[in-house]
Every structure is written in C-alpha cells, then in structure tokens.
N, C-alpha and C. Protein backbone atom coordinates (compact mmCIF):
# COMPACT_ATOMS: atom_id res chain seq x y z
N MET A 1 26.70 7.25 43.42
CA MET A 1 27.37 5.97 42.64
C MET A 1 28.33 5.28 43.65
N ASN A 2 28.22 3.91 43.68
CA ASN A 2 29.05 3.21 44.59
C ASN A 2 30.40 3.07 43.88
N TRP A 3 31.37 3.63 44.64
CA TRP A 3 32.82 3.69 44.05
C TRP A 3 33.46 2.21 44.17
N LYS A 4 33.03 1.40 45.10
CA LYS A 4 33.55 0.02 45.01
C LYS A 4 33.16 -0.74 43.90
N VAL A 5 31.87 -0.61 43.50
CA VAL A 5 31.34 -1.27 42.29
C VAL A 5 32.05 -0.77 41.04
N LEU A 6 32.18 0.59 40.93
CA LEU A 6 32.81 1.09 39.81
C LEU A 6 34.35 0.68 39.71
N ALA A 7 34.98 0.73 40.73
CA ALA A 7 36.40 0.17 40.74
C ALA A 7 36.52 -1.32 40.45
N ALA A 8 35.56 -2.05 40.89
CA ALA A 8 35.52 -3.53 40.58
C ALA A 8 35.33 -3.73 39.10
N THR A 9 34.42 -3.00 38.53
CA THR A 9 34.06 -3.07 37.16
C THR A 9 35.18 -2.76 36.21
N PHE A 10 35.94 -1.60 36.53
CA PHE A 10 37.01 -1.23 35.74
C PHE A 10 38.18 -2.29 35.89
N GLY A 11 38.27 -2.78 37.14
CA GLY A 11 39.35 -3.86 37.28
C GLY A 11 39.07 -5.07 36.47
N THR A 12 37.88 -5.46 36.45
CA THR A 12 37.49 -6.77 35.62
C THR A 12 37.72 -6.43 34.18
N LEU A 13 37.29 -5.26 33.67
CA LEU A 13 37.49 -4.89 32.27
C LEU A 13 38.92 -4.81 31.98
N ALA A 14 39.76 -4.21 32.79
CA ALA A 14 41.27 -4.25 32.54
C ALA A 14 41.85 -5.71 32.41
N MET A 15 41.37 -6.49 33.29
CA MET A 15 41.90 -7.82 33.22
C MET A 15 41.62 -8.55 31.95
N MET A 16 40.34 -8.27 31.49
CA MET A 16 39.66 -8.87 30.28
C MET A 16 40.47 -8.38 29.12
N ALA A 17 40.78 -7.11 29.07
CA ALA A 17 41.51 -6.42 27.93
C ALA A 17 42.94 -7.01 27.94
N GLY A 18 43.50 -7.34 29.02
CA GLY A 18 44.93 -7.81 29.11
C GLY A 18 45.08 -9.21 28.92
N THR A 19 43.95 -10.08 28.83
CA THR A 19 44.00 -11.43 28.65
C THR A 19 44.39 -11.82 27.18
N ALA A 20 45.48 -12.60 26.96
CA ALA A 20 45.93 -13.00 25.64
C ALA A 20 45.00 -14.17 25.15
N ASN A 21 44.67 -14.16 23.91
CA ASN A 21 44.01 -15.20 23.29
C ASN A 21 45.06 -16.29 22.89
N ALA A 22 44.54 -17.50 22.93
CA ALA A 22 45.42 -18.64 22.62
C ALA A 22 44.95 -19.14 21.12
N LEU A 23 45.82 -19.89 20.49
CA LEU A 23 45.54 -20.26 19.12
C LEU A 23 44.33 -21.12 19.09
N THR A 24 43.43 -20.96 18.14
CA THR A 24 42.29 -21.89 17.99
C THR A 24 42.47 -22.54 16.51
N LEU A 25 42.42 -23.81 16.42
CA LEU A 25 42.53 -24.50 15.21
C LEU A 25 41.36 -25.39 14.83
N THR A 26 40.68 -25.14 13.64
CA THR A 26 39.53 -25.69 13.19
C THR A 26 39.88 -26.50 11.90
N ASN A 27 39.41 -27.82 11.98
CA ASN A 27 39.65 -28.69 10.87
C ASN A 27 38.39 -28.69 9.91
N ASN A 28 38.47 -28.12 8.82
CA ASN A 28 37.44 -27.98 7.92
C ASN A 28 37.33 -29.11 6.95
N ASP A 29 38.38 -30.09 7.17
CA ASP A 29 38.37 -31.32 6.33
C ASP A 29 37.45 -32.41 6.98
N GLU A 30 37.21 -33.54 6.17
CA GLU A 30 36.39 -34.56 6.78
C GLU A 30 37.17 -35.56 7.47
N VAL A 31 38.46 -35.59 7.35
CA VAL A 31 39.46 -36.53 7.88
C VAL A 31 40.00 -36.09 9.19
N GLU A 32 40.37 -36.98 10.05
CA GLU A 32 41.06 -36.64 11.28
C GLU A 32 42.45 -36.54 11.13
N TYR A 33 43.07 -35.46 11.75
CA TYR A 33 44.58 -35.23 11.68
C TYR A 33 45.23 -35.47 12.91
N GLY A 34 46.24 -36.21 12.96
CA GLY A 34 47.18 -36.19 14.19
C GLY A 34 48.17 -35.12 14.08
N LEU A 35 48.17 -34.25 15.12
CA LEU A 35 49.03 -33.05 15.00
C LEU A 35 50.18 -33.14 16.01
N GLU A 36 51.40 -32.69 15.60
CA GLU A 36 52.43 -32.41 16.55
C GLU A 36 52.53 -30.99 16.88
N VAL A 37 52.35 -30.65 18.10
CA VAL A 37 52.57 -29.38 18.44
C VAL A 37 53.82 -29.12 19.35
N ILE A 38 54.72 -28.25 18.83
CA ILE A 38 55.98 -28.13 19.53
C ILE A 38 55.99 -26.72 20.28
N LEU A 39 56.10 -26.82 21.53
CA LEU A 39 56.15 -25.60 22.32
C LEU A 39 57.54 -25.37 22.81
N GLY A 40 57.85 -24.06 23.26
CA GLY A 40 59.19 -23.85 23.87
C GLY A 40 60.22 -23.75 22.88
N GLU A 41 61.37 -23.23 23.33
CA GLU A 41 62.46 -23.00 22.35
C GLU A 41 63.14 -24.35 22.26
N GLY A 42 63.62 -24.54 20.95
CA GLY A 42 64.26 -25.74 20.65
C GLY A 42 63.40 -27.06 20.78
N GLY A 43 61.97 -26.86 20.72
CA GLY A 43 61.11 -28.01 20.72
C GLY A 43 61.18 -28.75 22.03
N ALA A 44 61.25 -28.02 23.16
CA ALA A 44 61.47 -28.72 24.44
C ALA A 44 60.15 -29.45 24.94
N ASP A 45 59.03 -28.86 24.37
CA ASP A 45 57.78 -29.58 24.85
C ASP A 45 57.03 -30.07 23.49
N LEU A 46 56.89 -31.40 23.29
CA LEU A 46 56.12 -31.89 22.18
C LEU A 46 54.89 -32.65 22.60
N GLN A 47 53.69 -32.03 21.93
CA GLN A 47 52.45 -32.60 22.22
C GLN A 47 51.87 -33.26 20.94
N THR A 48 51.17 -34.41 21.13
CA THR A 48 50.50 -34.92 20.08
C THR A 48 49.08 -34.81 20.30
N LEU A 49 48.23 -34.20 19.39
CA LEU A 49 46.78 -34.02 19.46
C LEU A 49 46.11 -34.64 18.35
N GLN A 50 44.85 -35.10 18.50
CA GLN A 50 44.14 -35.58 17.37
C GLN A 50 42.98 -34.58 17.22
N LEU A 51 42.72 -34.27 15.90
CA LEU A 51 41.72 -33.31 15.52
C LEU A 51 40.85 -33.77 14.47
N PRO A 52 39.58 -34.32 14.95
CA PRO A 52 38.70 -34.90 14.04
C PRO A 52 38.11 -33.99 13.12
N GLY A 53 37.63 -34.35 11.87
CA GLY A 53 37.12 -33.61 10.94
C GLY A 53 35.93 -32.82 11.45
N GLY A 54 35.87 -31.52 11.07
CA GLY A 54 34.72 -30.66 11.41
C GLY A 54 34.82 -30.10 12.89
N GLN A 55 35.91 -30.38 13.57
CA GLN A 55 36.09 -30.06 15.13
C GLN A 55 37.05 -28.91 15.20
N SER A 56 37.10 -28.42 16.40
CA SER A 56 38.08 -27.36 16.71
C SER A 56 38.76 -27.68 17.96
N LEU A 57 40.06 -27.21 18.01
CA LEU A 57 40.80 -27.19 19.36
C LEU A 57 41.09 -25.82 19.71
N THR A 58 40.92 -25.45 21.08
CA THR A 58 41.20 -24.10 21.46
C THR A 58 42.26 -24.15 22.50
N ASP A 59 42.84 -23.06 22.73
CA ASP A 59 43.90 -22.80 23.72
C ASP A 59 45.02 -23.81 23.52
N ILE A 60 45.42 -23.92 22.17
CA ILE A 60 46.49 -24.98 22.01
C ILE A 60 47.90 -24.30 22.44
N CYS A 61 48.12 -23.05 22.04
CA CYS A 61 49.47 -22.37 22.55
C CYS A 61 49.09 -20.94 22.62
N ASP A 62 49.60 -20.24 23.64
CA ASP A 62 49.39 -18.92 23.89
C ASP A 62 50.60 -18.16 23.71
N GLN A 63 51.79 -18.71 23.64
CA GLN A 63 53.04 -17.95 23.45
C GLN A 63 53.94 -18.35 22.31
N GLY A 64 53.17 -18.99 21.29
CA GLY A 64 53.87 -19.25 20.09
C GLY A 64 54.13 -20.76 20.15
N CYS A 65 54.15 -21.45 18.98
CA CYS A 65 54.35 -22.89 18.79
C CYS A 65 54.54 -23.14 17.35
N THR A 66 54.98 -24.40 17.16
CA THR A 66 54.90 -24.87 15.63
C THR A 66 54.06 -26.10 15.61
N ILE A 67 53.25 -26.10 14.59
CA ILE A 67 52.29 -27.30 14.36
C ILE A 67 52.63 -27.93 13.12
N LYS A 68 52.75 -29.31 13.22
CA LYS A 68 53.09 -30.16 12.07
C LYS A 68 51.81 -30.95 11.71
N LEU A 69 51.51 -31.09 10.43
CA LEU A 69 50.42 -31.97 9.99
C LEU A 69 51.21 -33.27 9.54
N PRO A 70 50.37 -34.42 9.51
CA PRO A 70 50.87 -35.72 8.95
C PRO A 70 51.56 -35.70 7.51
N ASN A 71 51.02 -34.74 6.71
CA ASN A 71 51.64 -34.53 5.28
C ASN A 71 52.89 -33.84 5.27
N GLY A 72 53.41 -33.39 6.35
CA GLY A 72 54.68 -32.62 6.51
C GLY A 72 54.60 -31.18 6.48
N ALA A 73 53.31 -30.68 6.25
CA ALA A 73 53.18 -29.25 6.34
C ALA A 73 53.50 -28.77 7.80
N GLU A 74 54.16 -27.64 7.92
CA GLU A 74 54.63 -27.26 9.18
C GLU A 74 54.49 -25.75 9.22
N GLN A 75 53.94 -25.20 10.32
CA GLN A 75 53.79 -23.81 10.33
C GLN A 75 54.09 -23.27 11.90
N GLU A 76 54.77 -22.05 11.89
CA GLU A 76 54.95 -21.41 13.23
C GLU A 76 53.77 -20.35 13.38
N PHE A 77 53.38 -20.41 14.56
CA PHE A 77 52.30 -19.48 15.07
C PHE A 77 52.83 -18.70 16.24
N GLU A 78 52.22 -17.48 16.36
CA GLU A 78 52.47 -16.58 17.45
C GLU A 78 51.72 -17.08 18.67
N GLY A 79 50.47 -17.57 18.52
CA GLY A 79 49.61 -18.15 19.59
C GLY A 79 48.31 -17.38 19.77
N ASP A 80 48.09 -16.45 18.94
CA ASP A 80 46.73 -15.61 19.05
C ASP A 80 46.00 -15.80 17.74
N GLU A 81 46.32 -16.70 16.86
CA GLU A 81 45.65 -16.76 15.59
C GLU A 81 44.32 -17.63 15.69
N ASN A 82 43.49 -17.52 14.60
CA ASN A 82 42.40 -18.39 14.35
C ASN A 82 42.77 -19.05 13.01
N VAL A 83 43.05 -20.35 13.03
CA VAL A 83 43.57 -21.06 12.07
C VAL A 83 42.64 -22.26 11.59
N THR A 84 42.50 -22.49 10.37
CA THR A 84 41.79 -23.52 9.87
C THR A 84 42.64 -24.57 9.04
N ILE A 85 42.29 -25.77 9.01
CA ILE A 85 42.90 -26.65 8.04
C ILE A 85 41.94 -27.01 6.95
N GLN A 86 42.34 -26.76 5.76
CA GLN A 86 41.41 -26.85 4.59
C GLN A 86 42.34 -27.59 3.47
N ASP A 87 41.81 -28.72 3.03
CA ASP A 87 42.47 -29.46 2.02
C ASP A 87 43.98 -29.90 2.51
N GLY A 88 44.17 -30.09 3.88
CA GLY A 88 45.36 -30.55 4.27
C GLY A 88 46.42 -29.42 4.48
N GLU A 89 45.89 -28.21 4.39
CA GLU A 89 46.95 -27.00 4.49
C GLU A 89 46.33 -26.07 5.45
N PHE A 90 47.26 -25.37 6.13
CA PHE A 90 46.94 -24.35 7.18
C PHE A 90 46.44 -23.10 6.45
N MET A 91 45.35 -22.47 6.94
CA MET A 91 44.83 -21.25 6.43
C MET A 91 44.58 -20.29 7.68
N ILE A 92 45.28 -19.08 7.62
CA ILE A 92 45.14 -18.27 8.85
C ILE A 92 44.20 -17.14 8.52
N ALA A 93 43.19 -16.99 9.42
CA ALA A 93 42.13 -15.97 9.32
C ALA A 93 42.78 -14.57 9.62
N GLU A 94 42.48 -13.67 8.83
CA GLU A 94 42.92 -12.22 9.01
C GLU A 94 41.86 -11.36 9.70
C-alpha cells in the first residue's frame, strides 16, 4: 500500500469532517422576501439579501447571525441550521 496516498486520503477526510456547515435558508412561499442578516456582535455587519419564492440561499452565516423578515419576525441562528420560510415564518429542520 502506498503510504503517501493513504496519508493524503486521511488528511482530506479529516478536513472534510472539520468543515463547518453554514446556514441554508429556503423560501417555501411564493413571494420574495427582503431579509436583513445581522452578523457579528452588536450588529456590526448588516447585509440585505433578496430571497425569491421557491429559492434557497446557502452559506449565509457560519458563526451565528440574526435574520429579520419584512413582517418583523426575527430569529437568531447558530449558523449550521437548515431553515425554511413557510407562511412568513421561520421553520428550523431538525
């Protein structure tokens, strides 16, 4: 067995296992939402994103964030969730 290939394979697997997933947000509604994404402590970084109906956004935040919907609904996330918007509300997949 080639030890260099084996070491490279284990190294790649270790990196993949250590990779954090970022939040994925899917809009199950037919309407487009304008989202405010607040990153960092104290809202230091504010991003505005558009999420059309039936579409998804990936890699929104990986170390936690707060997302606000236009209707005032607001939710804090850790950054590794799979979240849907259904009837204007956040639904977190378990």
